[in-house]
Each structure stands twice: as C-alpha cells, then as structure tokens.
Amino acid sequence: QVQFVESGGGLVQPGGSLRLSCAVSGSIFSIYAINWYRQAPGKQRELVAAITSGGSTNYADSVKGRFTISRDNGKKTVYLQMNSLKPEDTAVYYCKGPIPGSSWGQGTQVTVTS
C-alpha cells in the first residue's frame, strides 16, 4: 500500500520560511507526478504546487514566487520550500499523486501568525 507521510510544518511568523517534506513509500515513485495541497479551516482543499516526473512545476497564483516544489527520486521525497509566509498560508498541507492504491496522509500543520 502506498503511503504519503508529510512533515516539516510548524508555527512561524509572517515573512518566515518552512520546508515541508513528503515521503512516499511502497511504490515506483519516480514515474508519478506529486502535488502539494492545503486545507484551511472551513475551506476546501486546494492545489498549491505540482511537479511532474520530469521535474516540470506549476503553482497556484497565490504562492507563485514564494513557494518552490522539488523532488528527490532517490529518496522518494518531494519538498515544498515556503518563503515569505503569510497568515493566509495557514492550513494543513498534504501531498499526493495519482498512484494506484494510494490514499491521503495525515498532513502537516502550518500556522503563520505574529
């Protein structure tokens, strides 16, 4: 069974940075695109950033220029570097890809507050 394990969240002041990690187990990782999503309280889950198997990236307009997604196929891990964080970035962050048999992980909480 494929598992996504997110980590790296925390409490940070506006303008600060965090690096999230997404470890994927139990699958041929390198051939799949992996996405980062987030869900704020009372809101729907939204796509934040995506990276293809070839390393092409896409971002939501709200995070362009501040967030960077990357992947290490050898470690089966995807990263989300988040800079210039804003209070509106507060959410639970999840990673997932279209891997057969996979399900959502527990996510990692990011809280941006002064």
C-alpha atoms as a PDB file:
ATOM      1  CA  GLN A   1       0.000   0.000   0.000  1.00  0.00           C
ATOM      2  CA  VAL A   2       1.272   3.445  -0.931  1.00  0.00           C
ATOM      3  CA  GLN A   3       1.667   5.909   1.915  1.00  0.00           C
ATOM      4  CA  PHE A   4       2.323   9.645   1.905  1.00  0.00           C
ATOM      5  CA  VAL A   5       3.954  10.998   5.055  1.00  0.00           C
ATOM      6  CA  GLU A   6       4.126  14.767   5.379  1.00  0.00           C
ATOM      7  CA  SER A   7       6.408  16.566   7.834  1.00  0.00           C
ATOM      8  CA  GLY A   8       8.086  19.887   8.480  1.00  0.00           C
ATOM      9  CA  GLY A   9       5.157  22.038   9.468  1.00  0.00           C
ATOM     10  CA  GLY A  10       5.132  24.352  12.440  1.00  0.00           C
ATOM     11  CA  LEU A  11       4.472  27.785  13.826  1.00  0.00           C
ATOM     12  CA  VAL A  12       6.186  30.671  12.062  1.00  0.00           C
ATOM     13  CA  GLN A  13       5.918  34.444  11.978  1.00  0.00           C
ATOM     14  CA  PRO A  14       4.823  36.300   8.845  1.00  0.00           C
ATOM     15  CA  GLY A  15       7.740  36.604   6.461  1.00  0.00           C
ATOM     16  CA  GLY A  16       9.297  33.411   7.743  1.00  0.00           C
ATOM     17  CA  SER A  17      10.133  30.168   5.963  1.00  0.00           C
ATOM     18  CA  LEU A  18       9.418  26.468   6.294  1.00  0.00           C
ATOM     19  CA  ARG A  19      10.417  23.421   4.302  1.00  0.00           C
ATOM     20  CA  LEU A  20       7.875  20.632   4.065  1.00  0.00           C
ATOM     21  CA  SER A  21       8.775  17.073   3.159  1.00  0.00           C
ATOM     22  CA  CYS A  22       6.627  14.347   1.632  1.00  0.00           C
ATOM     23  CA  ALA A  23       7.981  10.823   1.901  1.00  0.00           C
ATOM     24  CA  VAL A  24       6.353   8.220  -0.337  1.00  0.00           C
ATOM     25  CA  SER A  25       6.607   4.535   0.412  1.00  0.00           C
ATOM     26  CA  GLY A  26       5.612   1.370  -1.351  1.00  0.00           C
ATOM     27  CA  SER A  27       5.657   2.416  -4.984  1.00  0.00           C
ATOM     28  CA  ILE A  28       7.673   3.238  -8.046  1.00  0.00           C
ATOM     29  CA  PHE A  29       7.919   6.879  -7.124  1.00  0.00           C
ATOM     30  CA  SER A  30       9.830   8.423  -9.985  1.00  0.00           C
ATOM     31  CA  ILE A  31       7.232   7.938 -12.721  1.00  0.00           C
ATOM     32  CA  TYR A  32       4.464   9.838 -10.945  1.00  0.00           C
ATOM     33  CA  ALA A  33       3.645  13.494 -10.608  1.00  0.00           C
ATOM     34  CA  ILE A  34       3.253  14.604  -6.998  1.00  0.00           C
ATOM     35  CA  ASN A  35       1.186  17.538  -5.795  1.00  0.00           C
ATOM     36  CA  TRP A  36       1.053  19.595  -2.626  1.00  0.00           C
ATOM     37  CA  TYR A  37      -2.395  20.636  -1.402  1.00  0.00           C
ATOM     38  CA  ARG A  38      -3.589  22.616   1.587  1.00  0.00           C
ATOM     39  CA  GLN A  39      -6.821  22.923   3.510  1.00  0.00           C
ATOM     40  CA  ALA A  40      -7.562  25.857   5.758  1.00  0.00           C
ATOM     41  CA  PRO A  41     -10.298  25.683   8.418  1.00  0.00           C
ATOM     42  CA  GLY A  42     -13.723  25.947   6.825  1.00  0.00           C
ATOM     43  CA  LYS A  43     -12.330  25.874   3.293  1.00  0.00           C
ATOM     44  CA  GLN A  44     -11.979  23.284   0.582  1.00  0.00           C
ATOM     45  CA  ARG A  45      -8.705  21.566  -0.112  1.00  0.00           C
ATOM     46  CA  GLU A  46      -6.784  23.419  -2.806  1.00  0.00           C
ATOM     47  CA  LEU A  47      -3.868  22.584  -5.056  1.00  0.00           C
ATOM     48  CA  VAL A  48      -0.767  24.564  -4.146  1.00  0.00           C
ATOM     49  CA  ALA A  49       2.040  23.161  -6.272  1.00  0.00           C
ATOM     50  CA  ALA A  50       2.715  20.274  -8.628  1.00  0.00           C
ATOM     51  CA  ILE A  51       5.789  18.563 -10.011  1.00  0.00           C
ATOM     52  CA  THR A  52       5.821  16.065 -12.863  1.00  0.00           C
ATOM     53  CA  SER A  53       8.002  13.010 -13.128  1.00  0.00           C
ATOM     54  CA  GLY A  54      10.295  15.037 -15.369  1.00  0.00           C
ATOM     55  CA  GLY A  55      10.585  17.893 -12.906  1.00  0.00           C
ATOM     56  CA  SER A  56       8.252  20.435 -14.511  1.00  0.00           C
ATOM     57  CA  THR A  57       6.463  22.546 -11.936  1.00  0.00           C
ATOM     58  CA  ASN A  58       3.265  24.533 -11.567  1.00  0.00           C
ATOM     59  CA  TYR A  59       1.996  26.750  -8.786  1.00  0.00           C
ATOM     60  CA  ALA A  60      -1.200  28.337  -7.602  1.00  0.00           C
ATOM     61  CA  ASP A  61      -1.197  32.062  -8.258  1.00  0.00           C
ATOM     62  CA  SER A  62      -1.353  32.727  -4.523  1.00  0.00           C
ATOM     63  CA  VAL A  63       2.057  31.125  -3.916  1.00  0.00           C
ATOM     64  CA  LYS A  64       3.969  31.889  -7.128  1.00  0.00           C
ATOM     65  CA  GLY A  65       7.339  33.419  -6.408  1.00  0.00           C
ATOM     66  CA  ARG A  66       7.211  32.346  -2.749  1.00  0.00           C
ATOM     67  CA  PHE A  67       6.961  28.544  -2.812  1.00  0.00           C
ATOM     68  CA  THR A  68       9.220  26.074  -4.604  1.00  0.00           C
ATOM     69  CA  ILE A  69       8.437  22.405  -5.154  1.00  0.00           C
ATOM     70  CA  SER A  70      11.212  19.893  -5.809  1.00  0.00           C
ATOM     71  CA  ARG A  71      11.744  16.164  -5.720  1.00  0.00           C
ATOM     72  CA  ASP A  72      14.480  13.664  -4.926  1.00  0.00           C
ATOM     73  CA  ASN A  73      13.632  10.429  -6.712  1.00  0.00           C
ATOM     74  CA  GLY A  74      16.391   8.522  -4.933  1.00  0.00           C
ATOM     75  CA  LYS A  75      14.870   9.365  -1.564  1.00  0.00           C
ATOM     76  CA  LYS A  76      11.282   9.108  -2.858  1.00  0.00           C
ATOM     77  CA  THR A  77      10.630  12.505  -1.325  1.00  0.00           C
ATOM     78  CA  VAL A  78       9.030  15.722  -2.531  1.00  0.00           C
ATOM     79  CA  TYR A  79       9.757  19.038  -0.861  1.00  0.00           C
ATOM     80  CA  LEU A  80       7.917  22.320  -0.602  1.00  0.00           C
ATOM     81  CA  GLN A  81      10.096  25.280   0.295  1.00  0.00           C
ATOM     82  CA  MET A  82       7.859  28.071   1.555  1.00  0.00           C
ATOM     83  CA  ASN A  83       9.273  31.572   1.891  1.00  0.00           C
ATOM     84  CA  SER A  84       7.710  34.923   2.734  1.00  0.00           C
ATOM     85  CA  LEU A  85       4.907  33.160   4.529  1.00  0.00           C
ATOM     86  CA  LYS A  86       1.646  34.996   5.134  1.00  0.00           C
ATOM     87  CA  PRO A  87      -1.131  34.390   7.660  1.00  0.00           C
ATOM     88  CA  GLU A  88      -3.342  33.216   4.787  1.00  0.00           C
ATOM     89  CA  ASP A  89      -0.918  30.338   4.192  1.00  0.00           C
ATOM     90  CA  THR A  90      -2.104  28.823   7.469  1.00  0.00           C
ATOM     91  CA  ALA A  91      -3.511  25.380   6.695  1.00  0.00           C
ATOM     92  CA  VAL A  92      -2.900  21.671   6.875  1.00  0.00           C
ATOM     93  CA  TYR A  93      -0.634  20.723   3.977  1.00  0.00           C
ATOM     94  CA  TYR A  94      -0.932  17.382   2.204  1.00  0.00           C
ATOM     95  CA  CYS A  95       0.913  15.693  -0.629  1.00  0.00           C
ATOM     96  CA  LYS A  96      -0.496  13.171  -3.031  1.00  0.00           C
ATOM     97  CA  GLY A  97      -0.052  11.801  -6.519  1.00  0.00           C
ATOM     98  CA  PRO A  98      -2.120   9.632  -8.877  1.00  0.00           C
ATOM     99  CA  ILE A  99      -0.501   6.443  -7.596  1.00  0.00           C
ATOM    100  CA  PRO A 100      -2.751   3.380  -7.688  1.00  0.00           C
ATOM    101  CA  GLY A 101      -3.794   2.244  -4.245  1.00  0.00           C
ATOM    102  CA  SER A 102      -2.762   5.465  -2.555  1.00  0.00           C
ATOM    103  CA  SER A 103      -4.723   7.481  -0.018  1.00  0.00           C
ATOM    104  CA  TRP A 104      -4.340  10.815   1.742  1.00  0.00           C
ATOM    105  CA  GLY A 105      -1.844  11.115   4.574  1.00  0.00           C
ATOM    106  CA  GLN A 106      -2.300  12.923   7.864  1.00  0.00           C
ATOM    107  CA  GLY A 107      -0.889  16.184   6.597  1.00  0.00           C
ATOM    108  CA  THR A 108       1.313  18.671   8.424  1.00  0.00           C
ATOM    109  CA  GLN A 109       0.029  21.827  10.095  1.00  0.00           C
ATOM    110  CA  VAL A 110       1.454  25.187   9.068  1.00  0.00           C
ATOM    111  CA  THR A 111       0.496  28.162  11.187  1.00  0.00           C
ATOM    112  CA  VAL A 112       1.638  31.653  10.270  1.00  0.00           C
ATOM    113  CA  THR A 113       0.967  34.187  12.992  1.00  0.00           C
ATOM    114  CA  SER A 114       2.618  37.011  14.842  1.00  0.00           C
END
